[in-house]
Amino acid sequence: MANGEPTKKVSVELLCLSLLQEKDMYGYEMSQEIFRRSGGLLSMAEAAIYMSMYRLVISEQVQERSVTCMVSTRESQACMKAF
């Protein structure tokens, strides 16, 4: 970073799965919740969230309830309990 602070890579998939453990969400809702919970330090573009969600749908970690609403699967719930 330009200001000399170290950067940390954040797994968008892990953030999304974590949020989906609480309730079904739309991508926009997830991006707003990530921003809120990080105190404004982490801002995720909706496109990044939807690309991550697409990968999670392909890997069957989440199911698409409608065009944009995602819900976690039992497999992803078991995986998140390990954290």
N, C-alpha and C. Protein backbone atom coordinates (compact mmCIF):
# COMPACT_ATOMS: atom_id res chain seq x y z
N MET A 1 0.84 -1.19 0.00
CA MET A 1 0.00 0.00 0.00
C MET A 1 0.87 1.24 0.00
N ALA A 2 0.35 2.29 -0.48
CA ALA A 2 1.10 3.53 -0.57
C ALA A 2 1.45 4.10 0.79
N ASN A 3 0.62 3.87 1.78
CA ASN A 3 0.86 4.44 3.11
C ASN A 3 1.78 3.58 3.96
N GLY A 4 2.30 2.48 3.41
CA GLY A 4 3.25 1.65 4.14
C GLY A 4 2.63 0.61 5.05
N GLU A 5 1.32 0.58 5.16
CA GLU A 5 0.68 -0.42 6.00
C GLU A 5 0.63 -1.76 5.27
N PRO A 6 0.81 -2.84 6.01
CA PRO A 6 0.75 -4.15 5.35
C PRO A 6 -0.67 -4.46 4.88
N THR A 7 -0.75 -5.20 3.80
CA THR A 7 -2.05 -5.61 3.30
C THR A 7 -2.28 -7.07 3.66
N LYS A 8 -3.52 -7.44 3.77
CA LYS A 8 -3.91 -8.81 4.04
C LYS A 8 -4.88 -9.25 2.97
N LYS A 9 -4.65 -10.43 2.45
CA LYS A 9 -5.59 -10.97 1.48
C LYS A 9 -6.80 -11.48 2.24
N VAL A 10 -7.95 -11.19 1.70
CA VAL A 10 -9.19 -11.61 2.31
C VAL A 10 -9.89 -12.56 1.36
N SER A 11 -10.30 -13.70 1.86
CA SER A 11 -11.04 -14.65 1.04
C SER A 11 -12.49 -14.19 0.96
N VAL A 12 -12.87 -13.76 -0.22
CA VAL A 12 -14.24 -13.30 -0.42
C VAL A 12 -15.20 -14.47 -0.20
N GLU A 13 -14.78 -15.66 -0.67
CA GLU A 13 -15.63 -16.83 -0.49
C GLU A 13 -15.89 -17.10 0.99
N LEU A 14 -14.85 -17.01 1.80
CA LEU A 14 -15.00 -17.27 3.23
C LEU A 14 -15.91 -16.22 3.88
N LEU A 15 -15.75 -14.98 3.49
CA LEU A 15 -16.63 -13.93 4.03
C LEU A 15 -18.08 -14.19 3.65
N CYS A 16 -18.30 -14.56 2.40
CA CYS A 16 -19.67 -14.83 1.94
C CYS A 16 -20.26 -16.03 2.66
N LEU A 17 -19.48 -17.11 2.78
CA LEU A 17 -19.99 -18.28 3.48
C LEU A 17 -20.32 -17.96 4.94
N SER A 18 -19.48 -17.15 5.54
CA SER A 18 -19.72 -16.76 6.92
C SER A 18 -21.03 -16.00 7.06
N LEU A 19 -21.28 -15.08 6.16
CA LEU A 19 -22.53 -14.31 6.20
C LEU A 19 -23.74 -15.20 5.91
N LEU A 20 -23.57 -16.13 4.98
CA LEU A 20 -24.69 -17.01 4.61
C LEU A 20 -25.03 -18.00 5.71
N GLN A 21 -24.13 -18.19 6.67
CA GLN A 21 -24.45 -19.05 7.80
C GLN A 21 -25.55 -18.41 8.66
N GLU A 22 -25.62 -17.09 8.61
CA GLU A 22 -26.60 -16.36 9.42
C GLU A 22 -27.97 -16.29 8.75
N LYS A 23 -27.96 -16.00 7.45
CA LYS A 23 -29.22 -15.89 6.71
C LYS A 23 -28.93 -15.83 5.22
N ASP A 24 -29.96 -16.07 4.41
CA ASP A 24 -29.84 -15.94 2.96
C ASP A 24 -29.65 -14.46 2.64
N MET A 25 -28.79 -14.18 1.67
CA MET A 25 -28.50 -12.78 1.33
C MET A 25 -28.31 -12.61 -0.16
N TYR A 26 -28.55 -11.40 -0.60
CA TYR A 26 -28.22 -10.98 -1.95
C TYR A 26 -26.80 -10.42 -1.94
N GLY A 27 -26.17 -10.38 -3.10
CA GLY A 27 -24.80 -9.87 -3.20
C GLY A 27 -24.65 -8.45 -2.68
N TYR A 28 -25.58 -7.58 -3.03
CA TYR A 28 -25.51 -6.20 -2.55
C TYR A 28 -25.58 -6.16 -1.02
N GLU A 29 -26.45 -6.97 -0.47
CA GLU A 29 -26.60 -7.02 0.99
C GLU A 29 -25.29 -7.51 1.64
N MET A 30 -24.65 -8.50 1.01
CA MET A 30 -23.37 -8.99 1.54
C MET A 30 -22.31 -7.91 1.50
N SER A 31 -22.23 -7.17 0.40
CA SER A 31 -21.21 -6.12 0.30
C SER A 31 -21.43 -5.04 1.35
N GLN A 32 -22.68 -4.70 1.61
CA GLN A 32 -22.99 -3.69 2.63
C GLN A 32 -22.65 -4.21 4.03
N GLU A 33 -22.94 -5.47 4.27
CA GLU A 33 -22.68 -6.06 5.59
C GLU A 33 -21.18 -6.19 5.85
N ILE A 34 -20.41 -6.56 4.84
CA ILE A 34 -18.95 -6.63 4.98
C ILE A 34 -18.40 -5.25 5.30
N PHE A 35 -18.87 -4.25 4.61
CA PHE A 35 -18.43 -2.87 4.85
C PHE A 35 -18.79 -2.44 6.27
N ARG A 36 -20.01 -2.73 6.70
CA ARG A 36 -20.47 -2.33 8.03
C ARG A 36 -19.67 -3.02 9.13
N ARG A 37 -19.51 -4.33 9.00
CA ARG A 37 -18.82 -5.09 10.05
C ARG A 37 -17.33 -4.78 10.14
N SER A 38 -16.75 -4.34 9.03
CA SER A 38 -15.33 -4.00 9.06
C SER A 38 -15.10 -2.56 9.48
N GLY A 39 -16.16 -1.86 9.81
CA GLY A 39 -16.03 -0.46 10.19
C GLY A 39 -15.57 0.42 9.05
N GLY A 40 -15.92 0.01 7.83
CA GLY A 40 -15.56 0.78 6.65
C GLY A 40 -14.18 0.48 6.11
N LEU A 41 -13.46 -0.44 6.73
CA LEU A 41 -12.10 -0.76 6.29
C LEU A 41 -12.06 -1.68 5.09
N LEU A 42 -13.11 -2.44 4.89
CA LEU A 42 -13.14 -3.40 3.80
C LEU A 42 -14.36 -3.14 2.93
N SER A 43 -14.09 -2.83 1.69
CA SER A 43 -15.17 -2.55 0.75
C SER A 43 -15.07 -3.56 -0.39
N MET A 44 -16.14 -4.27 -0.63
CA MET A 44 -16.17 -5.29 -1.68
C MET A 44 -17.10 -4.83 -2.79
N ALA A 45 -16.60 -4.87 -4.00
CA ALA A 45 -17.45 -4.58 -5.15
C ALA A 45 -18.45 -5.72 -5.31
N GLU A 46 -19.64 -5.37 -5.70
CA GLU A 46 -20.67 -6.41 -5.88
C GLU A 46 -20.23 -7.43 -6.92
N ALA A 47 -19.52 -6.98 -7.94
CA ALA A 47 -19.04 -7.90 -8.98
C ALA A 47 -18.13 -8.96 -8.38
N ALA A 48 -17.27 -8.56 -7.44
CA ALA A 48 -16.37 -9.51 -6.79
C ALA A 48 -17.16 -10.53 -5.98
N ILE A 49 -18.20 -10.06 -5.33
CA ILE A 49 -19.03 -10.96 -4.54
C ILE A 49 -19.75 -11.94 -5.44
N TYR A 50 -20.33 -11.45 -6.54
CA TYR A 50 -21.06 -12.34 -7.44
C TYR A 50 -20.14 -13.33 -8.13
N MET A 51 -18.92 -12.94 -8.45
CA MET A 51 -17.96 -13.89 -9.04
C MET A 51 -17.61 -14.97 -8.03
N SER A 52 -17.41 -14.58 -6.79
CA SER A 52 -17.12 -15.56 -5.74
C SER A 52 -18.31 -16.48 -5.51
N MET A 53 -19.50 -15.90 -5.52
CA MET A 53 -20.69 -16.71 -5.33
C MET A 53 -20.86 -17.71 -6.48
N TYR A 54 -20.53 -17.28 -7.69
CA TYR A 54 -20.61 -18.17 -8.84
C TYR A 54 -19.68 -19.38 -8.63
N ARG A 55 -18.45 -19.11 -8.15
CA ARG A 55 -17.53 -20.21 -7.88
C ARG A 55 -18.07 -21.13 -6.80
N LEU A 56 -18.71 -20.58 -5.80
CA LEU A 56 -19.28 -21.39 -4.72
C LEU A 56 -20.48 -22.21 -5.20
N VAL A 57 -21.24 -21.67 -6.14
CA VAL A 57 -22.35 -22.43 -6.72
C VAL A 57 -21.79 -23.59 -7.53
N ILE A 58 -20.76 -23.34 -8.33
CA ILE A 58 -20.14 -24.38 -9.14
C ILE A 58 -19.60 -25.50 -8.25
N SER A 59 -18.99 -25.14 -7.12
CA SER A 59 -18.43 -26.14 -6.21
C SER A 59 -19.49 -26.71 -5.26
N GLU A 60 -20.73 -26.31 -5.45
CA GLU A 60 -21.89 -26.78 -4.67
C GLU A 60 -21.79 -26.45 -3.18
N GLN A 61 -21.12 -25.36 -2.86
CA GLN A 61 -21.07 -24.89 -1.48
C GLN A 61 -22.27 -24.01 -1.14
N VAL A 62 -22.84 -23.37 -2.16
CA VAL A 62 -24.06 -22.59 -1.96
C VAL A 62 -25.03 -22.92 -3.09
N GLN A 63 -26.29 -22.64 -2.85
CA GLN A 63 -27.32 -22.83 -3.85
C GLN A 63 -27.91 -21.48 -4.20
N GLU A 64 -28.27 -21.35 -5.45
CA GLU A 64 -28.90 -20.12 -5.89
C GLU A 64 -30.39 -20.25 -5.70
N ARG A 65 -30.94 -19.45 -4.81
CA ARG A 65 -32.38 -19.53 -4.55
C ARG A 65 -33.16 -18.82 -5.65
N SER A 66 -32.67 -17.69 -6.07
CA SER A 66 -33.24 -16.96 -7.20
C SER A 66 -32.04 -16.52 -8.03
N VAL A 67 -32.23 -15.56 -8.88
CA VAL A 67 -31.12 -15.12 -9.71
C VAL A 67 -29.96 -14.60 -8.87
N THR A 68 -30.25 -13.98 -7.75
CA THR A 68 -29.18 -13.36 -6.97
C THR A 68 -29.13 -13.75 -5.51
N CYS A 69 -30.14 -14.40 -4.99
CA CYS A 69 -30.16 -14.74 -3.57
C CYS A 69 -29.48 -16.08 -3.36
N MET A 70 -28.53 -16.12 -2.43
CA MET A 70 -27.76 -17.32 -2.18
C MET A 70 -28.08 -17.90 -0.81
N VAL A 71 -27.96 -19.22 -0.71
CA VAL A 71 -28.19 -19.91 0.55
C VAL A 71 -27.10 -20.96 0.69
N SER A 72 -26.56 -21.14 1.88
CA SER A 72 -25.49 -22.11 2.06
C SER A 72 -26.04 -23.53 2.05
N THR A 73 -25.19 -24.48 1.68
CA THR A 73 -25.57 -25.88 1.67
C THR A 73 -25.12 -26.54 2.97
N ARG A 74 -25.55 -27.75 3.21
CA ARG A 74 -25.14 -28.47 4.42
C ARG A 74 -23.64 -28.68 4.46
N GLU A 75 -23.04 -28.92 3.29
CA GLU A 75 -21.59 -29.14 3.23
C GLU A 75 -20.84 -27.88 3.67
N SER A 76 -21.27 -26.73 3.21
CA SER A 76 -20.58 -25.51 3.59
C SER A 76 -20.81 -25.19 5.07
N GLN A 77 -21.98 -25.54 5.59
CA GLN A 77 -22.25 -25.31 7.01
C GLN A 77 -21.32 -26.17 7.86
N ALA A 78 -21.10 -27.41 7.46
CA ALA A 78 -20.20 -28.29 8.19
C ALA A 78 -18.76 -27.77 8.11
N CYS A 79 -18.39 -27.27 6.96
CA CYS A 79 -17.04 -26.72 6.77
C CYS A 79 -16.83 -25.49 7.65
N MET A 80 -17.83 -24.62 7.74
CA MET A 80 -17.70 -23.39 8.53
C MET A 80 -17.64 -23.69 10.02
N LYS A 81 -18.25 -24.79 10.47
CA LYS A 81 -18.19 -25.15 11.88
C LYS A 81 -16.78 -25.50 12.30
N ALA A 82 -15.95 -25.91 11.33
CA ALA A 82 -14.56 -26.25 11.64
C ALA A 82 -13.75 -25.01 11.99
N PHE A 83 -14.21 -23.84 11.58
CA PHE A 83 -13.51 -22.60 11.88
C PHE A 83 -13.91 -22.18 13.26
